[in-house]
Amino acid sequence: MSKKFDFNKGLEELETIVQTMEGGNLGLEDSLKYFEQGVVITRKCQEALDNVEQKIALLSAKDGYQSEKPLD
């Protein structure tokens, strides 16, 4: 069973990774490790955002909501 991805925790992890990498105290191997972790988390965050966007579009379509309404 896969654990549901926590978007907010993912963002916090990305922030920690960026701060660590910006510190400039990492060797090449450690920098690569952190970069790879960041890429994985970024992809999971993007996937979570895409899923939410699809749900919003589906719910909006069911309610007859149009995202582009003329301004009066």
N, C-alpha and C. Protein backbone atom coordinates (compact mmCIF):
# COMPACT_ATOMS: atom_id res chain seq x y z
N MET A 1 0.84 -1.17 0.00
CA MET A 1 0.00 0.00 0.00
C MET A 1 0.89 1.25 0.00
N SER A 2 0.66 2.17 -0.93
CA SER A 2 1.48 3.36 -1.00
C SER A 2 0.89 4.47 -0.12
N LYS A 3 1.78 5.20 0.52
CA LYS A 3 1.39 6.29 1.39
C LYS A 3 1.05 7.51 0.54
N LYS A 4 0.00 8.23 0.91
CA LYS A 4 -0.41 9.42 0.18
C LYS A 4 0.65 10.52 0.35
N PHE A 5 1.00 11.16 -0.75
CA PHE A 5 2.01 12.21 -0.73
C PHE A 5 1.47 13.45 -0.04
N ASP A 6 2.23 13.99 0.88
CA ASP A 6 1.88 15.22 1.60
C ASP A 6 2.55 16.40 0.90
N PHE A 7 1.76 17.18 0.17
CA PHE A 7 2.29 18.28 -0.63
C PHE A 7 3.05 19.29 0.22
N ASN A 8 2.46 19.69 1.34
CA ASN A 8 3.11 20.70 2.19
C ASN A 8 4.43 20.18 2.76
N LYS A 9 4.45 18.93 3.15
CA LYS A 9 5.70 18.35 3.64
C LYS A 9 6.73 18.30 2.52
N GLY A 10 6.28 18.00 1.30
CA GLY A 10 7.17 17.99 0.15
C GLY A 10 7.82 19.35 -0.07
N LEU A 11 7.01 20.40 0.05
CA LEU A 11 7.56 21.75 -0.12
C LEU A 11 8.58 22.07 0.97
N GLU A 12 8.28 21.63 2.20
CA GLU A 12 9.22 21.86 3.29
C GLU A 12 10.53 21.11 3.04
N GLU A 13 10.44 19.89 2.55
CA GLU A 13 11.64 19.12 2.24
C GLU A 13 12.45 19.79 1.14
N LEU A 14 11.76 20.31 0.12
CA LEU A 14 12.46 21.02 -0.95
C LEU A 14 13.18 22.25 -0.42
N GLU A 15 12.53 22.98 0.47
CA GLU A 15 13.15 24.17 1.05
C GLU A 15 14.41 23.79 1.83
N THR A 16 14.34 22.71 2.58
CA THR A 16 15.51 22.24 3.33
C THR A 16 16.63 21.84 2.39
N ILE A 17 16.29 21.14 1.33
CA ILE A 17 17.30 20.73 0.35
C ILE A 17 17.97 21.95 -0.28
N VAL A 18 17.19 22.92 -0.67
CA VAL A 18 17.75 24.13 -1.30
C VAL A 18 18.66 24.86 -0.31
N GLN A 19 18.23 25.01 0.93
CA GLN A 19 19.06 25.69 1.92
C GLN A 19 20.37 24.95 2.15
N THR A 20 20.28 23.63 2.21
CA THR A 20 21.48 22.82 2.41
C THR A 20 22.44 22.99 1.24
N MET A 21 21.91 22.94 0.03
CA MET A 21 22.76 23.06 -1.15
C MET A 21 23.33 24.47 -1.28
N GLU A 22 22.55 25.47 -0.91
CA GLU A 22 23.05 26.85 -1.00
C GLU A 22 24.12 27.14 0.05
N GLY A 23 24.17 26.31 1.10
CA GLY A 23 25.18 26.50 2.13
C GLY A 23 26.59 26.36 1.62
N GLY A 24 26.76 25.63 0.53
CA GLY A 24 28.06 25.50 -0.11
C GLY A 24 29.03 24.58 0.60
N ASN A 25 28.54 23.78 1.54
CA ASN A 25 29.43 22.91 2.30
C ASN A 25 29.37 21.45 1.86
N LEU A 26 28.74 21.18 0.74
CA LEU A 26 28.58 19.81 0.27
C LEU A 26 29.62 19.47 -0.78
N GLY A 27 30.05 18.22 -0.75
CA GLY A 27 30.91 17.74 -1.81
C GLY A 27 30.08 17.40 -3.03
N LEU A 28 30.73 17.01 -4.08
CA LEU A 28 30.05 16.70 -5.33
C LEU A 28 29.04 15.56 -5.17
N GLU A 29 29.45 14.48 -4.52
CA GLU A 29 28.55 13.32 -4.35
C GLU A 29 27.32 13.68 -3.53
N ASP A 30 27.52 14.43 -2.44
CA ASP A 30 26.39 14.83 -1.60
C ASP A 30 25.48 15.81 -2.35
N SER A 31 26.07 16.71 -3.12
CA SER A 31 25.27 17.65 -3.91
C SER A 31 24.40 16.90 -4.90
N LEU A 32 24.97 15.89 -5.54
CA LEU A 32 24.21 15.09 -6.49
C LEU A 32 23.07 14.35 -5.79
N LYS A 33 23.34 13.82 -4.61
CA LYS A 33 22.32 13.11 -3.84
C LYS A 33 21.15 14.04 -3.50
N TYR A 34 21.47 15.24 -3.02
CA TYR A 34 20.41 16.20 -2.68
C TYR A 34 19.65 16.64 -3.94
N PHE A 35 20.37 16.84 -5.02
CA PHE A 35 19.72 17.23 -6.27
C PHE A 35 18.73 16.16 -6.73
N GLU A 36 19.15 14.91 -6.68
CA GLU A 36 18.27 13.80 -7.07
C GLU A 36 17.03 13.75 -6.19
N GLN A 37 17.21 13.93 -4.88
CA GLN A 37 16.06 13.95 -3.97
C GLN A 37 15.11 15.09 -4.32
N GLY A 38 15.69 16.25 -4.64
CA GLY A 38 14.88 17.40 -5.01
C GLY A 38 14.07 17.16 -6.27
N VAL A 39 14.67 16.50 -7.25
CA VAL A 39 13.96 16.19 -8.49
C VAL A 39 12.78 15.25 -8.22
N VAL A 40 13.00 14.24 -7.39
CA VAL A 40 11.93 13.29 -7.06
C VAL A 40 10.78 14.01 -6.36
N ILE A 41 11.10 14.85 -5.38
CA ILE A 41 10.06 15.57 -4.65
C ILE A 41 9.34 16.55 -5.55
N THR A 42 10.08 17.24 -6.42
CA THR A 42 9.46 18.19 -7.35
C THR A 42 8.47 17.49 -8.26
N ARG A 43 8.83 16.32 -8.75
CA ARG A 43 7.91 15.56 -9.61
C ARG A 43 6.66 15.15 -8.85
N LYS A 44 6.82 14.75 -7.60
CA LYS A 44 5.65 14.36 -6.79
C LYS A 44 4.76 15.58 -6.53
N CYS A 45 5.35 16.73 -6.27
CA CYS A 45 4.57 17.95 -6.06
C CYS A 45 3.80 18.31 -7.33
N GLN A 46 4.46 18.23 -8.46
CA GLN A 46 3.81 18.55 -9.73
C GLN A 46 2.66 17.58 -10.01
N GLU A 47 2.87 16.31 -9.71
CA GLU A 47 1.82 15.32 -9.90
C GLU A 47 0.63 15.62 -9.00
N ALA A 48 0.91 16.00 -7.75
CA ALA A 48 -0.17 16.35 -6.82
C ALA A 48 -0.95 17.57 -7.33
N LEU A 49 -0.24 18.57 -7.85
CA LEU A 49 -0.91 19.76 -8.40
C LEU A 49 -1.74 19.40 -9.62
N ASP A 50 -1.21 18.54 -10.48
CA ASP A 50 -1.96 18.11 -11.66
C ASP A 50 -3.24 17.38 -11.26
N ASN A 51 -3.16 16.53 -10.24
CA ASN A 51 -4.33 15.80 -9.77
C ASN A 51 -5.40 16.75 -9.23
N VAL A 52 -4.97 17.74 -8.47
CA VAL A 52 -5.91 18.72 -7.93
C VAL A 52 -6.55 19.51 -9.06
N GLU A 53 -5.76 19.90 -10.04
CA GLU A 53 -6.28 20.65 -11.18
C GLU A 53 -7.34 19.83 -11.92
N GLN A 54 -7.09 18.54 -12.09
CA GLN A 54 -8.06 17.67 -12.77
C GLN A 54 -9.35 17.56 -11.95
N LYS A 55 -9.22 17.44 -10.64
CA LYS A 55 -10.41 17.36 -9.78
C LYS A 55 -11.22 18.64 -9.85
N ILE A 56 -10.54 19.78 -9.84
CA ILE A 56 -11.23 21.06 -9.92
C ILE A 56 -11.96 21.18 -11.26
N ALA A 57 -11.29 20.79 -12.33
CA ALA A 57 -11.91 20.86 -13.65
C ALA A 57 -13.13 19.95 -13.71
N LEU A 58 -13.03 18.76 -13.15
CA LEU A 58 -14.15 17.82 -13.15
C LEU A 58 -15.32 18.36 -12.33
N LEU A 59 -15.03 18.87 -11.14
CA LEU A 59 -16.10 19.42 -10.31
C LEU A 59 -16.72 20.66 -10.94
N SER A 60 -15.90 21.49 -11.55
CA SER A 60 -16.40 22.69 -12.21
C SER A 60 -17.30 22.33 -13.39
N ALA A 61 -16.91 21.30 -14.14
CA ALA A 61 -17.71 20.88 -15.29
C ALA A 61 -19.06 20.34 -14.84
N LYS A 62 -19.08 19.61 -13.73
CA LYS A 62 -20.33 19.06 -13.21
C LYS A 62 -21.29 20.16 -12.78
N ASP A 63 -20.74 21.27 -12.29
CA ASP A 63 -21.56 22.38 -11.82
C ASP A 63 -21.87 23.38 -12.93
N GLY A 64 -21.36 23.15 -14.11
CA GLY A 64 -21.59 24.06 -15.22
C GLY A 64 -20.78 25.33 -15.12
N TYR A 65 -19.77 25.32 -14.29
CA TYR A 65 -18.91 26.49 -14.12
C TYR A 65 -17.96 26.60 -15.29
N GLN A 66 -17.82 27.80 -15.81
CA GLN A 66 -16.87 28.05 -16.89
C GLN A 66 -15.76 28.93 -16.35
N SER A 67 -14.53 28.54 -16.61
CA SER A 67 -13.41 29.32 -16.09
C SER A 67 -13.25 30.65 -16.79
N GLU A 68 -13.76 30.75 -17.98
CA GLU A 68 -13.66 32.01 -18.71
C GLU A 68 -15.04 32.62 -18.84
N LYS A 69 -15.33 33.57 -17.97
CA LYS A 69 -16.61 34.27 -18.00
C LYS A 69 -16.37 35.70 -18.49
N PRO A 70 -17.27 36.20 -19.28
CA PRO A 70 -17.09 37.58 -19.77
C PRO A 70 -17.20 38.57 -18.61
N LEU A 71 -16.38 39.60 -18.66
CA LEU A 71 -16.46 40.65 -17.65
C LEU A 71 -17.53 41.65 -18.04
N ASP A 72 -18.29 42.08 -17.09
CA ASP A 72 -19.33 43.08 -17.34
C ASP A 72 -18.81 44.48 -17.25
